PDB file of N, CA and C in Angstrom:
ATOM      1  N   MET A   1       0.648  -1.369   0.027  1.00  0.00           N
ATOM      2  CA  MET A   1      -0.064  -0.237   0.142  1.00  0.00           C
ATOM      3  C   MET A   1       1.234   1.171  -0.299  1.00  0.00           C
ATOM      4  N   THR A   2       0.666   2.169  -0.979  1.00  0.00           N
ATOM      5  CA  THR A   2       1.390   4.042  -0.944  1.00  0.00           C
ATOM      6  C   THR A   2       0.787   4.618   0.201  1.00  0.00           C
ATOM      7  N   GLN A   3       1.211   5.430   0.096  1.00  0.00           N
ATOM      8  CA  GLN A   3       1.046   6.989   1.530  1.00  0.00           C
ATOM      9  C   GLN A   3       0.694   7.437   0.933  1.00  0.00           C
ATOM     10  N   LEU A   4      -0.385   7.411  -0.420  1.00  0.00           N
ATOM     11  CA  LEU A   4      -0.892   7.784  -0.945  1.00  0.00           C
ATOM     12  C   LEU A   4      -1.947   6.621  -0.634  1.00  0.00           C
ATOM     13  N   GLN A   5      -2.491   5.908  -0.817  1.00  0.00           N
ATOM     14  CA  GLN A   5      -3.063   4.854  -0.720  1.00  0.00           C
ATOM     15  C   GLN A   5      -3.951   5.559   0.645  1.00  0.00           C
ATOM     16  N   ILE A   6      -3.082   4.886   1.144  1.00  0.00           N
ATOM     17  CA  ILE A   6      -3.029   5.465   3.548  1.00  0.00           C
ATOM     18  C   ILE A   6      -4.172   6.318   3.666  1.00  0.00           C
ATOM     19  N   GLN A   7      -3.503   7.885   2.640  1.00  0.00           N
ATOM     20  CA  GLN A   7      -3.521   9.385   3.325  1.00  0.00           C
ATOM     21  C   GLN A   7      -4.822   8.832   2.579  1.00  0.00           C
ATOM     22  N   MET A   8      -5.283   8.106   1.730  1.00  0.00           N
ATOM     23  CA  MET A   8      -7.078   8.562   1.198  1.00  0.00           C
ATOM     24  C   MET A   8      -8.004   7.601   2.481  1.00  0.00           C
ATOM     25  N   LYS A   9      -7.762   6.720   2.743  1.00  0.00           N
ATOM     26  CA  LYS A   9      -8.247   5.986   3.291  1.00  0.00           C
ATOM     27  C   LYS A   9      -8.085   6.309   4.684  1.00  0.00           C
ATOM     28  N   ILE A  10      -7.947   6.740   5.300  1.00  0.00           N
ATOM     29  CA  ILE A  10      -7.385   7.998   6.547  1.00  0.00           C
ATOM     30  C   ILE A  10      -7.699   9.717   6.343  1.00  0.00           C
ATOM     31  N   GLY A  11      -8.437   9.544   5.209  1.00  0.00           N
ATOM     32  CA  GLY A  11      -8.385  10.673   5.094  1.00  0.00           C
ATOM     33  C   GLY A  11      -8.161  12.246   5.273  1.00  0.00           C
ATOM     34  N   ILE A  12      -6.798  12.553   5.050  1.00  0.00           N
ATOM     35  CA  ILE A  12      -5.884  13.384   5.344  1.00  0.00           C
ATOM     36  C   ILE A  12      -4.861  13.867   3.720  1.00  0.00           C
ATOM     37  N   ASP A  13      -4.801  14.808   3.893  1.00  0.00           N
ATOM     38  CA  ASP A  13      -4.011  14.632   2.801  1.00  0.00           C
ATOM     39  C   ASP A  13      -2.222  14.726   2.955  1.00  0.00           C
ATOM     40  N   GLN A  14      -1.081  15.645   2.117  1.00  0.00           N
ATOM     41  CA  GLN A  14       0.253  14.669   2.223  1.00  0.00           C
ATOM     42  C   GLN A  14       0.865  15.577   3.399  1.00  0.00           C
ATOM     43  N   SER A  15       0.446  17.142   3.357  1.00  0.00           N
ATOM     44  CA  SER A  15       0.920  17.694   4.440  1.00  0.00           C
ATOM     45  C   SER A  15       1.227  16.886   5.735  1.00  0.00           C
ATOM     46  N   ASP A  16      -0.701  16.238   6.167  1.00  0.00           N
ATOM     47  CA  ASP A  16      -1.272  16.201   7.644  1.00  0.00           C
ATOM     48  C   ASP A  16       0.120  14.513   7.756  1.00  0.00           C
ATOM     49  N   TYR A  17       0.029  14.069   6.722  1.00  0.00           N
ATOM     50  CA  TYR A  17       0.737  12.452   6.686  1.00  0.00           C
ATOM     51  C   TYR A  17       2.525  12.648   6.849  1.00  0.00           C
ATOM     52  N   SER A  18       2.120  13.559   6.411  1.00  0.00           N
ATOM     53  CA  SER A  18       4.504  13.476   6.228  1.00  0.00           C
ATOM     54  C   SER A  18       3.776  14.614   8.366  1.00  0.00           C
ATOM     55  N   LYS A  19       3.802  15.746   8.831  1.00  0.00           N
ATOM     56  CA  LYS A  19       4.460  15.475  10.401  1.00  0.00           C
ATOM     57  C   LYS A  19       3.376  14.674  10.458  1.00  0.00           C
ATOM     58  N   ILE A  20       2.228  13.348  10.291  1.00  0.00           N
ATOM     59  CA  ILE A  20       2.488  12.429  11.330  1.00  0.00           C
ATOM     60  C   ILE A  20       3.349  11.727  11.812  1.00  0.00           C
ATOM     61  N   GLU A  21       4.121  11.331  10.157  1.00  0.00           N
ATOM     62  CA  GLU A  21       4.799  10.749  10.195  1.00  0.00           C
ATOM     63  C   GLU A  21       6.447  11.164  10.890  1.00  0.00           C
ATOM     64  N   ARG A  22       6.670  12.872  11.584  1.00  0.00           N
ATOM     65  CA  ARG A  22       6.864  13.098  11.312  1.00  0.00           C
ATOM     66  C   ARG A  22       7.765  13.905  13.078  1.00  0.00           C
ATOM     67  N   GLY A  23       5.884  13.407  13.705  1.00  0.00           N
ATOM     68  CA  GLY A  23       5.622  13.781  14.643  1.00  0.00           C
ATOM     69  C   GLY A  23       5.647  15.312  16.033  1.00  0.00           C
ATOM     70  N   LEU A  24       5.202  15.389  14.191  1.00  0.00           N
ATOM     71  CA  LEU A  24       4.902  16.747  14.586  1.00  0.00           C
ATOM     72  C   LEU A  24       2.855  17.097  15.053  1.00  0.00           C
ATOM     73  N   ARG A  25       2.367  15.918  14.790  1.00  0.00           N
ATOM     74  CA  ARG A  25       0.933  16.065  14.751  1.00  0.00           C
ATOM     75  C   ARG A  25       0.845  14.976  14.684  1.00  0.00           C
ATOM     76  N   TYR A  26      -0.724  14.225  15.830  1.00  0.00           N
ATOM     77  CA  TYR A  26      -0.901  13.343  16.553  1.00  0.00           C
ATOM     78  C   TYR A  26      -2.056  12.921  15.856  1.00  0.00           C
ATOM     79  N   PRO A  27      -2.085  11.893  15.310  1.00  0.00           N
ATOM     80  CA  PRO A  27      -3.435  11.328  14.827  1.00  0.00           C
ATOM     81  C   PRO A  27      -4.667  11.783  15.286  1.00  0.00           C
ATOM     82  N   THR A  28      -6.037  11.471  14.833  1.00  0.00           N
ATOM     83  CA  THR A  28      -6.974  12.000  15.378  1.00  0.00           C
ATOM     84  C   THR A  28      -7.684  10.374  15.772  1.00  0.00           C
ATOM     85  N   ILE A  29      -7.936   9.782  17.046  1.00  0.00           N
ATOM     86  CA  ILE A  29      -8.899   8.794  17.353  1.00  0.00           C
ATOM     87  C   ILE A  29      -9.159   8.420  16.023  1.00  0.00           C
ATOM     88  N   ASP A  30     -10.035   8.132  15.043  1.00  0.00           N
ATOM     89  CA  ASP A  30     -10.719   6.916  14.125  1.00  0.00           C
ATOM     90  C   ASP A  30      -9.684   7.139  12.787  1.00  0.00           C
ATOM     91  N   GLN A  31      -8.998   8.412  13.250  1.00  0.00           N
ATOM     92  CA  GLN A  31      -7.224   7.948  12.145  1.00  0.00           C
ATOM     93  C   GLN A  31      -6.775   6.355  12.562  1.00  0.00           C
ATOM     94  N   LEU A  32      -6.058   7.176  13.585  1.00  0.00           N
ATOM     95  CA  LEU A  32      -5.657   5.696  14.287  1.00  0.00           C
ATOM     96  C   LEU A  32      -6.265   4.346  14.231  1.00  0.00           C
ATOM     97  N   ILE A  33      -8.308   3.803  14.472  1.00  0.00           N
ATOM     98  CA  ILE A  33      -8.832   3.456  14.704  1.00  0.00           C
ATOM     99  C   ILE A  33      -8.569   3.130  12.320  1.00  0.00           C
ATOM    100  N   ALA A  34      -8.442   3.435  11.798  1.00  0.00           N
ATOM    101  CA  ALA A  34      -8.191   3.973  10.343  1.00  0.00           C
ATOM    102  C   ALA A  34      -7.043   3.457  10.482  1.00  0.00           C
ATOM    103  N   LEU A  35      -5.962   3.044  10.788  1.00  0.00           N
ATOM    104  CA  LEU A  35      -4.634   3.062  11.000  1.00  0.00           C
ATOM    105  C   LEU A  35      -4.395   1.314  10.922  1.00  0.00           C
ATOM    106  N   ALA A  36      -4.617   1.298  12.531  1.00  0.00           N
ATOM    107  CA  ALA A  36      -5.328   0.285  13.500  1.00  0.00           C
ATOM    108  C   ALA A  36      -5.790  -0.824  11.761  1.00  0.00           C
ATOM    109  N   GLU A  37      -6.796  -0.243  10.999  1.00  0.00           N
ATOM    110  CA  GLU A  37      -7.131  -1.655   9.960  1.00  0.00           C
ATOM    111  C   GLU A  37      -6.896  -2.310   9.129  1.00  0.00           C
ATOM    112  N   ILE A  38      -6.557  -0.856   8.825  1.00  0.00           N
ATOM    113  CA  ILE A  38      -5.525  -1.004   7.711  1.00  0.00           C
ATOM    114  C   ILE A  38      -3.711  -1.955   7.627  1.00  0.00           C
ATOM    115  N   PHE A  39      -3.521  -2.202   9.094  1.00  0.00           N
ATOM    116  CA  PHE A  39      -2.782  -2.432   8.296  1.00  0.00           C
ATOM    117  C   PHE A  39      -2.542  -3.835  10.156  1.00  0.00           C
ATOM    118  N   ASP A  40      -3.411  -4.169  10.494  1.00  0.00           N
ATOM    119  CA  ASP A  40      -3.950  -5.354  10.832  1.00  0.00           C
ATOM    120  C   ASP A  40      -3.161  -5.326  12.474  1.00  0.00           C
ATOM    121  N   THR A  41      -3.388  -4.482  13.041  1.00  0.00           N
ATOM    122  CA  THR A  41      -3.114  -4.272  14.067  1.00  0.00           C
ATOM    123  C   THR A  41      -3.779  -3.406  15.206  1.00  0.00           C
ATOM    124  N   SER A  42      -2.951  -3.486  16.633  1.00  0.00           N
ATOM    125  CA  SER A  42      -4.072  -2.471  17.255  1.00  0.00           C
ATOM    126  C   SER A  42      -3.931  -0.865  16.982  1.00  0.00           C
ATOM    127  N   ILE A  43      -4.366  -0.126  17.721  1.00  0.00           N
ATOM    128  CA  ILE A  43      -3.724   1.046  17.923  1.00  0.00           C
ATOM    129  C   ILE A  43      -2.781   1.197  19.672  1.00  0.00           C
ATOM    130  N   ASP A  44      -3.061  -0.187  19.890  1.00  0.00           N
ATOM    131  CA  ASP A  44      -1.954   0.254  21.304  1.00  0.00           C
ATOM    132  C   ASP A  44      -0.454  -0.622  20.953  1.00  0.00           C
ATOM    133  N   TYR A  45      -0.031  -0.340  19.326  1.00  0.00           N
ATOM    134  CA  TYR A  45       0.791  -0.790  18.323  1.00  0.00           C
ATOM    135  C   TYR A  45       1.400   0.020  18.507  1.00  0.00           C
ATOM    136  N   ILE A  46       0.599   0.378  17.752  1.00  0.00           N
ATOM    137  CA  ILE A  46       1.172   1.747  17.311  1.00  0.00           C
ATOM    138  C   ILE A  46       1.239   2.701  17.840  1.00  0.00           C
ATOM    139  N   VAL A  47       0.315   3.439  18.901  1.00  0.00           N
ATOM    140  CA  VAL A  47       1.260   4.552  19.713  1.00  0.00           C
ATOM    141  C   VAL A  47       2.089   3.830  20.292  1.00  0.00           C
ATOM    142  N   GLY A  48       2.475   2.133  20.487  1.00  0.00           N
ATOM    143  CA  GLY A  48       4.122   1.806  21.478  1.00  0.00           C
ATOM    144  C   GLY A  48       3.007   1.491  22.681  1.00  0.00           C
ATOM    145  N   LEU A  49       2.427   1.369  23.042  1.00  0.00           N
ATOM    146  CA  LEU A  49       1.829   0.293  24.083  1.00  0.00           C
ATOM    147  C   LEU A  49       1.729  -0.767  24.515  1.00  0.00           C
ATOM    148  N   THR A  50       2.611  -1.029  23.847  1.00  0.00           N
ATOM    149  CA  THR A  50       2.924  -2.233  23.271  1.00  0.00           C
ATOM    150  C   THR A  50       3.275  -3.883  21.761  1.00  0.00           C
ATOM    151  N   ASP A  51       4.569  -4.359  22.382  1.00  0.00           N
ATOM    152  CA  ASP A  51       5.774  -4.608  21.322  1.00  0.00           C
ATOM    153  C   ASP A  51       4.582  -6.300  20.690  1.00  0.00           C
ATOM    154  N   GLU A  52       3.733  -6.049  20.298  1.00  0.00           N
ATOM    155  CA  GLU A  52       3.290  -7.321  20.499  1.00  0.00           C
ATOM    156  C   GLU A  52       1.529  -7.047  18.840  1.00  0.00           C
ATOM    157  N   LYS A  53       2.142  -7.800  18.384  1.00  0.00           N
ATOM    158  CA  LYS A  53       1.586  -6.588  16.666  1.00  0.00           C
ATOM    159  C   LYS A  53       0.185  -6.252  16.673  1.00  0.00           C
ATOM    160  N   LYS A  54      -0.375  -8.585  17.336  1.00  0.00           N
ATOM    161  CA  LYS A  54      -2.068  -8.252  17.816  1.00  0.00           C
ATOM    162  C   LYS A  54      -1.988  -8.639  19.143  1.00  0.00           C
ATOM    163  N   PRO A  55      -2.026  -8.443  20.035  1.00  0.00           N
ATOM    164  CA  PRO A  55      -2.095  -8.495  21.373  1.00  0.00           C
ATOM    165  C   PRO A  55      -3.778  -8.706  22.282  1.00  0.00           C
ATOM    166  N   TYR A  56      -4.700  -8.731  20.902  1.00  0.00           N
ATOM    167  CA  TYR A  56      -5.881  -8.914  21.835  1.00  0.00           C
ATOM    168  C   TYR A  56      -6.605 -10.004  20.553  1.00  0.00           C
ATOM    169  N   PRO A  57      -6.505 -11.099  20.616  1.00  0.00           N
ATOM    170  CA  PRO A  57      -7.385 -11.781  20.198  1.00  0.00           C
ATOM    171  C   PRO A  57      -9.057 -11.776  19.730  1.00  0.00           C
ATOM    172  N   ARG A  58      -9.594 -11.792  18.358  1.00  0.00           N
ATOM    173  CA  ARG A  58     -10.967 -11.189  18.021  1.00  0.00           C
ATOM    174  C   ARG A  58     -11.209 -12.677  17.603  1.00  0.00           C
TER     175      ARG A  58
END
């Protein structure tokens, strides 16, 4: 998946995506949910609260 595809799925432009990647802006909870779904992981993993990619069984 390209950065452009991710940006489109979470509804942000390139500038905001770049700021999130560089730590200059935080994603919203809705964007975190979308990212977790895209990468098939948990929000906890994305924000660094766990080292397990899938800490919770579904």
